[in-house]
N, C-alpha and C. Protein backbone atom coordinates (compact mmCIF):
# COMPACT_ATOMS: atom_id res chain seq x y z
N MET A 1 242.65 110.43 1.55
CA MET A 1 243.26 111.79 1.75
C MET A 1 242.31 112.86 2.44
N ASN A 2 242.54 113.14 3.57
CA ASN A 2 241.91 113.94 4.12
C ASN A 2 242.47 115.48 4.18
N ALA A 3 243.61 115.62 3.72
CA ALA A 3 244.38 116.88 3.73
C ALA A 3 243.85 117.67 2.80
N LYS A 4 243.62 118.95 2.94
CA LYS A 4 243.09 119.94 2.23
C LYS A 4 244.06 120.08 1.18
N LYS A 5 243.13 120.11 -0.08
CA LYS A 5 243.62 120.09 -1.41
C LYS A 5 244.25 121.68 -1.80
N SER A 6 245.49 121.69 -2.45
CA SER A 6 246.12 122.94 -2.64
C SER A 6 245.48 123.65 -3.63
N PHE A 7 245.73 124.95 -3.54
CA PHE A 7 245.11 126.19 -4.39
C PHE A 7 245.44 125.51 -5.87
N TYR A 8 246.45 125.05 -6.18
CA TYR A 8 246.95 124.57 -7.62
C TYR A 8 246.01 123.43 -8.16
N ARG A 9 245.99 122.56 -7.20
CA ARG A 9 245.23 121.26 -7.44
C ARG A 9 243.85 121.67 -7.92
N THR A 10 243.26 122.32 -6.80
CA THR A 10 241.80 122.82 -6.95
C THR A 10 241.62 123.72 -8.39
N MET A 11 242.35 124.49 -8.48
CA MET A 11 242.16 125.31 -9.76
C MET A 11 242.20 124.43 -11.16
N LEU A 12 243.17 123.61 -10.88
CA LEU A 12 243.56 122.88 -12.36
C LEU A 12 242.12 121.66 -12.36
N GLU A 13 241.73 121.20 -11.14
CA GLU A 13 240.50 120.41 -11.25
C GLU A 13 239.22 121.02 -11.82
N GLU A 14 239.12 122.16 -11.10
CA GLU A 14 238.00 123.17 -11.72
C GLU A 14 238.06 123.34 -13.25
N LYS A 15 239.29 123.49 -14.00
CA LYS A 15 239.57 123.71 -15.12
C LYS A 15 239.58 122.35 -15.83
N LYS A 16 239.30 121.28 -15.18
CA LYS A 16 239.50 120.01 -15.92
C LYS A 16 240.61 119.67 -16.65
N LEU A 17 241.78 120.12 -16.35
CA LEU A 17 243.03 119.93 -16.99
C LEU A 17 243.81 118.75 -16.15
N MET A 18 243.46 118.36 -15.01
CA MET A 18 244.45 117.21 -14.37
C MET A 18 244.66 116.21 -15.16
N HIS A 19 243.76 115.94 -16.15
CA HIS A 19 244.15 114.63 -16.88
C HIS A 19 245.21 115.01 -18.24
N LYS A 20 245.52 115.97 -18.52
CA LYS A 20 246.19 116.63 -19.56
C LYS A 20 247.83 116.06 -19.40
N THR A 21 248.38 115.81 -20.50
CA THR A 21 249.64 115.46 -20.70
C THR A 21 250.43 116.11 -21.76
N PHE A 22 251.49 116.44 -21.84
CA PHE A 22 252.51 117.09 -22.62
C PHE A 22 253.90 116.51 -22.77
N MET A 23 254.60 116.93 -23.71
CA MET A 23 255.94 116.60 -23.88
C MET A 23 256.97 118.05 -23.91
N VAL A 24 258.15 117.61 -23.17
CA VAL A 24 259.12 118.66 -23.43
C VAL A 24 260.34 118.18 -23.80
N LYS A 25 260.89 118.55 -24.87
CA LYS A 25 262.18 118.16 -25.26
C LYS A 25 263.42 119.01 -25.06
N CYS A 26 264.51 118.26 -24.43
CA CYS A 26 265.69 118.98 -24.21
C CYS A 26 266.77 118.00 -24.57
N ASP A 27 267.76 118.67 -25.30
CA ASP A 27 268.85 117.91 -25.81
C ASP A 27 268.54 116.46 -26.39
N GLY A 28 267.53 116.80 -27.27
CA GLY A 28 267.34 115.42 -28.01
C GLY A 28 266.77 114.46 -27.35
N VAL A 29 266.05 114.68 -25.82
CA VAL A 29 265.48 113.71 -25.17
C VAL A 29 263.97 114.31 -24.93
N THR A 30 262.90 113.49 -25.04
CA THR A 30 261.49 113.76 -24.90
C THR A 30 261.32 113.44 -23.56
N HIS A 31 260.84 114.27 -22.77
CA HIS A 31 260.23 114.16 -21.43
C HIS A 31 258.60 114.34 -21.44
N ILE A 32 258.09 113.18 -20.83
CA ILE A 32 256.55 113.20 -20.72
C ILE A 32 256.00 113.59 -19.47
N PHE A 33 255.31 114.72 -19.18
CA PHE A 33 254.67 115.11 -18.17
C PHE A 33 253.25 114.98 -18.29
N ASN A 34 252.51 114.81 -17.15
CA ASN A 34 251.07 115.31 -16.91
C ASN A 34 251.15 116.35 -15.95
N VAL A 35 249.81 116.68 -16.08
CA VAL A 35 249.46 117.84 -14.99
C VAL A 35 249.71 117.55 -13.36
N GLU A 36 249.20 116.34 -13.17
CA GLU A 36 249.16 115.82 -11.79
C GLU A 36 250.72 115.92 -11.42
N ARG A 37 251.71 115.43 -12.22
CA ARG A 37 253.05 115.66 -11.74
C ARG A 37 253.54 116.97 -11.56
N MET A 38 252.93 117.68 -12.51
CA MET A 38 253.40 119.03 -12.18
C MET A 38 252.71 119.75 -10.97
N VAL A 39 251.72 119.27 -10.65
CA VAL A 39 251.06 119.80 -9.38
C VAL A 39 251.90 119.43 -8.12
N ALA A 40 252.37 117.91 -8.27
CA ALA A 40 253.00 117.61 -7.24
C ALA A 40 254.51 118.13 -6.86
N LEU A 41 254.97 118.36 -7.96
CA LEU A 41 256.23 119.18 -7.90
C LEU A 41 256.17 120.73 -7.39
N ILE A 42 255.03 121.28 -7.73
CA ILE A 42 254.65 122.81 -7.30
C ILE A 42 254.46 122.53 -5.81
N GLU A 43 253.68 121.62 -5.27
CA GLU A 43 253.40 121.24 -4.07
C GLU A 43 254.69 121.05 -3.09
N GLU A 44 255.63 120.46 -3.76
CA GLU A 44 257.06 120.30 -3.02
C GLU A 44 258.02 121.07 -3.14
N ALA A 45 257.55 122.21 -3.76
CA ALA A 45 258.53 123.25 -4.05
C ALA A 45 258.65 124.33 -2.78
N PRO A 46 259.80 125.02 -2.70
CA PRO A 46 259.92 126.10 -1.49
C PRO A 46 258.66 126.88 -1.46
N GLU A 47 258.41 127.41 -0.26
CA GLU A 47 257.23 128.30 -0.06
C GLU A 47 257.34 129.32 -1.00
N GLU A 48 258.41 130.12 -0.93
CA GLU A 48 258.65 131.35 -1.86
C GLU A 48 258.25 130.97 -3.44
N GLU A 49 258.92 129.88 -3.74
CA GLU A 49 258.34 129.44 -5.17
C GLU A 49 256.94 129.13 -5.39
N GLN A 50 256.23 128.63 -4.40
CA GLN A 50 254.77 128.34 -4.61
C GLN A 50 254.12 129.60 -4.31
N VAL A 51 254.46 130.67 -3.63
CA VAL A 51 253.93 132.01 -3.64
C VAL A 51 253.93 132.56 -5.08
N LYS A 52 254.85 132.57 -5.72
CA LYS A 52 254.96 133.05 -6.97
C LYS A 52 254.27 132.54 -8.05
N VAL A 53 254.20 130.93 -7.97
CA VAL A 53 253.33 130.09 -8.77
C VAL A 53 251.94 130.74 -8.82
N LYS A 54 251.59 130.68 -7.48
CA LYS A 54 250.07 131.07 -7.32
C LYS A 54 249.78 132.24 -7.66
N GLU A 55 250.59 133.17 -7.54
CA GLU A 55 250.38 134.74 -8.30
C GLU A 55 250.24 134.58 -9.76
N VAL A 56 251.05 133.72 -10.46
CA VAL A 56 250.88 133.57 -11.69
C VAL A 56 249.65 132.92 -12.20
N PHE A 57 249.28 131.77 -11.46
CA PHE A 57 248.05 131.10 -11.43
C PHE A 57 246.99 131.98 -11.50
N SER A 58 246.92 133.00 -10.53
CA SER A 58 245.93 133.84 -10.14
C SER A 58 245.78 134.90 -11.41
N TYR A 59 246.84 135.49 -11.75
CA TYR A 59 247.02 136.35 -12.88
C TYR A 59 246.37 135.67 -14.10
N LEU A 60 246.73 134.67 -14.37
CA LEU A 60 246.40 133.77 -15.65
C LEU A 60 244.92 133.69 -15.67
N ASP A 61 244.47 133.18 -14.53
CA ASP A 61 243.03 132.89 -14.14
C ASP A 61 242.13 134.09 -14.63
N PHE A 62 242.49 135.29 -13.94
CA PHE A 62 241.61 136.60 -14.04
C PHE A 62 241.86 137.16 -15.36
N ARG A 63 242.98 136.78 -16.18
CA ARG A 63 242.99 137.23 -17.61
C ARG A 63 242.77 136.10 -18.67
N ASN A 64 242.14 135.07 -18.36
CA ASN A 64 241.65 133.96 -18.91
C ASN A 64 242.99 133.57 -19.79
N GLY A 65 243.80 133.55 -19.32
CA GLY A 65 245.36 132.93 -19.73
C GLY A 65 245.37 131.47 -20.07
N ASP A 66 246.37 131.05 -20.26
CA ASP A 66 246.44 129.67 -20.49
C ASP A 66 247.42 128.84 -19.61
N LEU A 67 246.81 128.10 -18.65
CA LEU A 67 247.52 127.66 -17.67
C LEU A 67 248.36 126.41 -18.17
N MET A 68 247.81 125.87 -19.51
CA MET A 68 248.79 124.74 -19.89
C MET A 68 250.24 125.15 -20.44
N HIS A 69 250.10 126.41 -20.95
CA HIS A 69 251.26 127.05 -21.44
C HIS A 69 252.19 127.46 -20.35
N TYR A 70 251.71 127.97 -19.09
CA TYR A 70 252.52 128.08 -18.11
C TYR A 70 253.31 126.76 -17.38
N LEU A 71 252.40 125.85 -17.35
CA LEU A 71 252.85 124.39 -16.71
C LEU A 71 253.77 124.06 -17.74
N HIS A 72 253.75 124.04 -19.10
CA HIS A 72 254.71 123.64 -20.17
C HIS A 72 256.01 124.50 -19.78
N PHE A 73 255.92 125.62 -19.70
CA PHE A 73 256.89 126.73 -19.13
C PHE A 73 257.74 126.02 -17.96
N LEU A 74 256.98 125.62 -16.72
CA LEU A 74 257.59 125.00 -15.51
C LEU A 74 258.30 123.88 -15.80
N ALA A 75 257.53 122.96 -16.46
CA ALA A 75 258.26 121.56 -16.98
C ALA A 75 259.39 121.91 -17.74
N GLU A 76 259.41 122.86 -18.83
CA GLU A 76 261.05 122.98 -19.39
C GLU A 76 261.89 123.52 -18.33
N CYS A 77 261.58 124.34 -17.46
CA CYS A 77 262.60 124.72 -16.50
C CYS A 77 262.99 123.61 -15.50
N TYR A 78 262.01 122.88 -15.16
CA TYR A 78 262.37 121.61 -14.33
C TYR A 78 263.37 120.63 -15.13
N VAL A 79 263.15 120.35 -16.18
CA VAL A 79 264.05 119.69 -17.31
C VAL A 79 265.26 120.27 -17.37
N MET A 80 265.21 121.46 -17.51
CA MET A 80 266.59 122.12 -17.81
C MET A 80 267.50 122.19 -16.32
N MET A 81 266.84 122.13 -15.12
CA MET A 81 267.50 122.21 -13.84
C MET A 81 267.78 120.76 -13.55
N ASN A 82 267.24 119.68 -13.97
CA ASN A 82 267.45 118.49 -13.39
C ASN A 82 267.97 117.45 -14.43
N TYR A 83 267.98 117.93 -15.54
CA TYR A 83 268.35 116.67 -16.59
C TYR A 83 269.46 117.11 -17.76
N GLN A 84 270.25 118.21 -17.12
CA GLN A 84 271.29 118.59 -18.03
C GLN A 84 272.50 117.51 -18.19
N THR A 85 272.56 117.38 -19.55
CA THR A 85 273.83 116.55 -19.79
C THR A 85 275.22 117.11 -19.99
N ALA A 86 276.08 116.54 -19.77
CA ALA A 86 277.44 117.28 -19.76
C ALA A 86 277.97 117.41 -21.40
């Protein structure tokens, strides 16, 4: 792959978080995510959403915040928006 790595991918690789996995529970269903999948979802998001995510990544990095906590939050939002049951 010769394409330039995204800001998100580079930051998470530098922090050695790309191999991490985590679970999100919603409506009694457990969804398993890994950081690689979350990066792919961010990279596929509309440009305006990517700008906001980049702002939060940068803020958390500057403040020594927990990027995994933020990725978990994004995964929860993704599950709520895409896997709601009737």
